[in-house]
Amino acid sequence: MLCVPLLAAAEASEAAPAHDGSAAAFTSLLFVFLLATFIGLGVVTRVSRLLHTPLMSLTNAISAIAVVGAILVTGGDYPLRIRILGAIALFASMTNIVSGFLITDRMLRMFKTDTKPGSGGRP
């Protein structure tokens, strides 16, 4: 169902005469990015609080993939503006990963008890 607008946008971008193919490709990629943003926002806002930690782990895994892609773009033989965008993507992905681990650690510490089971206090 979601593929229909995407296919229509791809066909429209191919059929539309453009001076340069990059404008049509940019429009298609922007459409996919906006669609993914709204779908992701809808999915994440409906997640229960009990599933927050597994969701953060999945987000860290996705960010790790983004880090690999950003490293390839930043270190590749691309124009300067693309490498700068790759460096910004690398910084943003690394910040997301580190923040995700810090938040997950903080949430897991909330469930730990202060007393040991054999110390006489109630766990």
C-alpha atoms as a PDB file:
ATOM      1  CA  MET A   1       0.000   0.000   0.000  1.00  0.00           C
ATOM      2  CA  LEU A   2       2.831   2.379   0.790  1.00  0.00           C
ATOM      3  CA  CYS A   3       4.653   1.390  -2.388  1.00  0.00           C
ATOM      4  CA  VAL A   4       1.955   2.880  -4.631  1.00  0.00           C
ATOM      5  CA  PRO A   5       2.763   6.567  -3.869  1.00  0.00           C
ATOM      6  CA  LEU A   6       6.458   5.774  -4.040  1.00  0.00           C
ATOM      7  CA  LEU A   7       6.101   4.131  -7.444  1.00  0.00           C
ATOM      8  CA  ALA A   8       3.941   6.997  -8.678  1.00  0.00           C
ATOM      9  CA  ALA A   9       6.564   9.499  -7.526  1.00  0.00           C
ATOM     10  CA  ALA A  10       9.324   7.504  -9.215  1.00  0.00           C
ATOM     11  CA  GLU A  11       7.373   7.286 -12.474  1.00  0.00           C
ATOM     12  CA  ALA A  12       6.544  10.997 -12.343  1.00  0.00           C
ATOM     13  CA  SER A  13      10.175  11.882 -11.755  1.00  0.00           C
ATOM     14  CA  GLU A  14      11.228   9.741 -14.738  1.00  0.00           C
ATOM     15  CA  ALA A  15       8.522  11.167 -16.998  1.00  0.00           C
ATOM     16  CA  ALA A  16       9.142  14.796 -16.077  1.00  0.00           C
ATOM     17  CA  PRO A  17      11.701  16.422 -18.338  1.00  0.00           C
ATOM     18  CA  ALA A  18      14.538  17.835 -16.330  1.00  0.00           C
ATOM     19  CA  HIS A  19      17.687  19.614 -17.323  1.00  0.00           C
ATOM     20  CA  ASP A  20      19.575  17.544 -14.871  1.00  0.00           C
ATOM     21  CA  GLY A  21      18.712  14.110 -13.460  1.00  0.00           C
ATOM     22  CA  SER A  22      19.818  15.127  -9.991  1.00  0.00           C
ATOM     23  CA  ALA A  23      16.751  17.345  -9.361  1.00  0.00           C
ATOM     24  CA  ALA A  24      14.352  14.471 -10.017  1.00  0.00           C
ATOM     25  CA  ALA A  25      16.442  12.093  -7.934  1.00  0.00           C
ATOM     26  CA  PHE A  26      16.588  14.614  -5.102  1.00  0.00           C
ATOM     27  CA  THR A  27      12.795  14.995  -5.150  1.00  0.00           C
ATOM     28  CA  SER A  28      12.319  11.229  -4.996  1.00  0.00           C
ATOM     29  CA  LEU A  29      14.802  10.848  -2.164  1.00  0.00           C
ATOM     30  CA  LEU A  30      13.217  13.728  -0.252  1.00  0.00           C
ATOM     31  CA  PHE A  31       9.810  12.073  -0.638  1.00  0.00           C
ATOM     32  CA  VAL A  32      11.150   8.772   0.706  1.00  0.00           C
ATOM     33  CA  PHE A  33      12.852  10.562   3.612  1.00  0.00           C
ATOM     34  CA  LEU A  34       9.673  12.415   4.600  1.00  0.00           C
ATOM     35  CA  LEU A  35       7.583   9.256   4.307  1.00  0.00           C
ATOM     36  CA  ALA A  36      10.039   7.309   6.475  1.00  0.00           C
ATOM     37  CA  THR A  37      10.089  10.134   9.031  1.00  0.00           C
ATOM     38  CA  PHE A  38       6.321  10.166   9.470  1.00  0.00           C
ATOM     39  CA  ILE A  39       6.035   6.385   9.561  1.00  0.00           C
ATOM     40  CA  GLY A  40       8.887   6.138  12.080  1.00  0.00           C
ATOM     41  CA  LEU A  41       7.343   8.832  14.260  1.00  0.00           C
ATOM     42  CA  GLY A  42       4.007   7.026  14.193  1.00  0.00           C
ATOM     43  CA  VAL A  43       5.589   3.711  15.155  1.00  0.00           C
ATOM     44  CA  VAL A  44       7.812   5.065  17.918  1.00  0.00           C
ATOM     45  CA  THR A  45       5.078   7.105  19.615  1.00  0.00           C
ATOM     46  CA  ARG A  46       2.899   3.992  19.944  1.00  0.00           C
ATOM     47  CA  VAL A  47       5.564   1.905  21.717  1.00  0.00           C
ATOM     48  CA  SER A  48       4.819   1.067  25.348  1.00  0.00           C
ATOM     49  CA  ARG A  49       7.270   2.187  28.009  1.00  0.00           C
ATOM     50  CA  LEU A  50       8.195  -1.421  28.779  1.00  0.00           C
ATOM     51  CA  LEU A  51       9.581  -1.838  25.276  1.00  0.00           C
ATOM     52  CA  HIS A  52      11.660   1.334  25.348  1.00  0.00           C
ATOM     53  CA  THR A  53      14.980  -0.392  26.109  1.00  0.00           C
ATOM     54  CA  PRO A  54      14.696  -2.985  23.284  1.00  0.00           C
ATOM     55  CA  LEU A  55      13.656  -0.172  20.946  1.00  0.00           C
ATOM     56  CA  MET A  56      16.751   1.830  21.924  1.00  0.00           C
ATOM     57  CA  SER A  57      18.902  -1.224  21.190  1.00  0.00           C
ATOM     58  CA  LEU A  58      17.350  -1.499  17.737  1.00  0.00           C
ATOM     59  CA  THR A  59      17.861   2.234  17.173  1.00  0.00           C
ATOM     60  CA  ASN A  60      21.537   1.861  18.102  1.00  0.00           C
ATOM     61  CA  ALA A  61      21.890  -0.953  15.572  1.00  0.00           C
ATOM     62  CA  ILE A  62      20.327   1.184  12.834  1.00  0.00           C
ATOM     63  CA  SER A  63      22.574   4.097  13.784  1.00  0.00           C
ATOM     64  CA  ALA A  64      25.581   1.798  13.524  1.00  0.00           C
ATOM     65  CA  ILE A  65      24.629   1.098   9.917  1.00  0.00           C
ATOM     66  CA  ALA A  66      24.349   4.861   9.348  1.00  0.00           C
ATOM     67  CA  VAL A  67      27.841   5.307  10.851  1.00  0.00           C
ATOM     68  CA  VAL A  68      29.313   2.828   8.372  1.00  0.00           C
ATOM     69  CA  GLY A  69      27.626   4.622   5.473  1.00  0.00           C
ATOM     70  CA  ALA A  70      28.749   8.026   6.765  1.00  0.00           C
ATOM     71  CA  ILE A  71      32.344   6.803   7.075  1.00  0.00           C
ATOM     72  CA  LEU A  72      32.246   5.565   3.476  1.00  0.00           C
ATOM     73  CA  VAL A  73      30.905   8.902   2.244  1.00  0.00           C
ATOM     74  CA  THR A  74      33.230  11.026   4.376  1.00  0.00           C
ATOM     75  CA  GLY A  75      36.351   9.146   3.347  1.00  0.00           C
ATOM     76  CA  GLY A  76      35.386   8.605  -0.269  1.00  0.00           C
ATOM     77  CA  ASP A  77      36.365  10.509  -3.370  1.00  0.00           C
ATOM     78  CA  TYR A  78      33.323  12.793  -3.428  1.00  0.00           C
ATOM     79  CA  PRO A  79      32.945  16.560  -3.757  1.00  0.00           C
ATOM     80  CA  LEU A  80      33.680  18.593  -0.634  1.00  0.00           C
ATOM     81  CA  ARG A  81      30.044  19.410   0.164  1.00  0.00           C
ATOM     82  CA  ILE A  82      29.093  15.722   0.130  1.00  0.00           C
ATOM     83  CA  ARG A  83      32.013  14.839   2.398  1.00  0.00           C
ATOM     84  CA  ILE A  84      30.975  17.624   4.796  1.00  0.00           C
ATOM     85  CA  LEU A  85      27.441  16.218   4.872  1.00  0.00           C
ATOM     86  CA  GLY A  86      28.950  12.782   5.521  1.00  0.00           C
ATOM     87  CA  ALA A  87      30.929  14.181   8.453  1.00  0.00           C
ATOM     88  CA  ILE A  88      27.771  15.773   9.864  1.00  0.00           C
ATOM     89  CA  ALA A  89      25.924  12.450   9.454  1.00  0.00           C
ATOM     90  CA  LEU A  90      28.795  10.660  11.178  1.00  0.00           C
ATOM     91  CA  PHE A  91      28.685  13.083  14.117  1.00  0.00           C
ATOM     92  CA  ALA A  92      24.889  12.844  14.415  1.00  0.00           C
ATOM     93  CA  SER A  93      24.883   9.032  14.265  1.00  0.00           C
ATOM     94  CA  MET A  94      27.659   8.710  16.834  1.00  0.00           C
ATOM     95  CA  THR A  95      25.854  11.148  19.134  1.00  0.00           C
ATOM     96  CA  ASN A  96      22.693   9.065  18.761  1.00  0.00           C
ATOM     97  CA  ILE A  97      24.526   5.843  19.592  1.00  0.00           C
ATOM     98  CA  VAL A  98      26.296   7.237  22.659  1.00  0.00           C
ATOM     99  CA  SER A  99      23.119   8.888  23.928  1.00  0.00           C
ATOM    100  CA  GLY A 100      21.159   5.685  23.377  1.00  0.00           C
ATOM    101  CA  PHE A 101      23.634   3.671  25.434  1.00  0.00           C
ATOM    102  CA  LEU A 102      23.604   6.267  28.224  1.00  0.00           C
ATOM    103  CA  ILE A 103      19.802   6.341  28.349  1.00  0.00           C
ATOM    104  CA  THR A 104      19.556   2.548  28.256  1.00  0.00           C
ATOM    105  CA  ASP A 105      22.113   2.238  31.060  1.00  0.00           C
ATOM    106  CA  ARG A 106      20.236   4.790  33.150  1.00  0.00           C
ATOM    107  CA  MET A 107      16.938   2.953  32.641  1.00  0.00           C
ATOM    108  CA  LEU A 108      18.483  -0.406  33.534  1.00  0.00           C
ATOM    109  CA  ARG A 109      19.997   1.067  36.718  1.00  0.00           C
ATOM    110  CA  MET A 110      16.477   2.032  37.812  1.00  0.00           C
ATOM    111  CA  PHE A 111      15.577  -1.674  38.070  1.00  0.00           C
ATOM    112  CA  LYS A 112      18.608  -2.712  40.125  1.00  0.00           C
ATOM    113  CA  THR A 113      18.252  -3.212  43.876  1.00  0.00           C
ATOM    114  CA  ASP A 114      20.683  -1.680  46.351  1.00  0.00           C
ATOM    115  CA  THR A 115      20.809  -4.624  48.753  1.00  0.00           C
ATOM    116  CA  LYS A 116      22.330  -8.010  48.053  1.00  0.00           C
ATOM    117  CA  PRO A 117      20.126 -11.103  48.551  1.00  0.00           C
ATOM    118  CA  GLY A 118      22.267 -12.576  51.353  1.00  0.00           C
ATOM    119  CA  SER A 119      22.789  -9.355  53.359  1.00  0.00           C
ATOM    120  CA  GLY A 120      19.688  -9.697  55.579  1.00  0.00           C
ATOM    121  CA  GLY A 121      17.728  -6.879  53.950  1.00  0.00           C
ATOM    122  CA  ARG A 122      14.813  -7.396  51.678  1.00  0.00           C
ATOM    123  CA  PRO A 123      15.774  -7.373  47.987  1.00  0.00           C
END
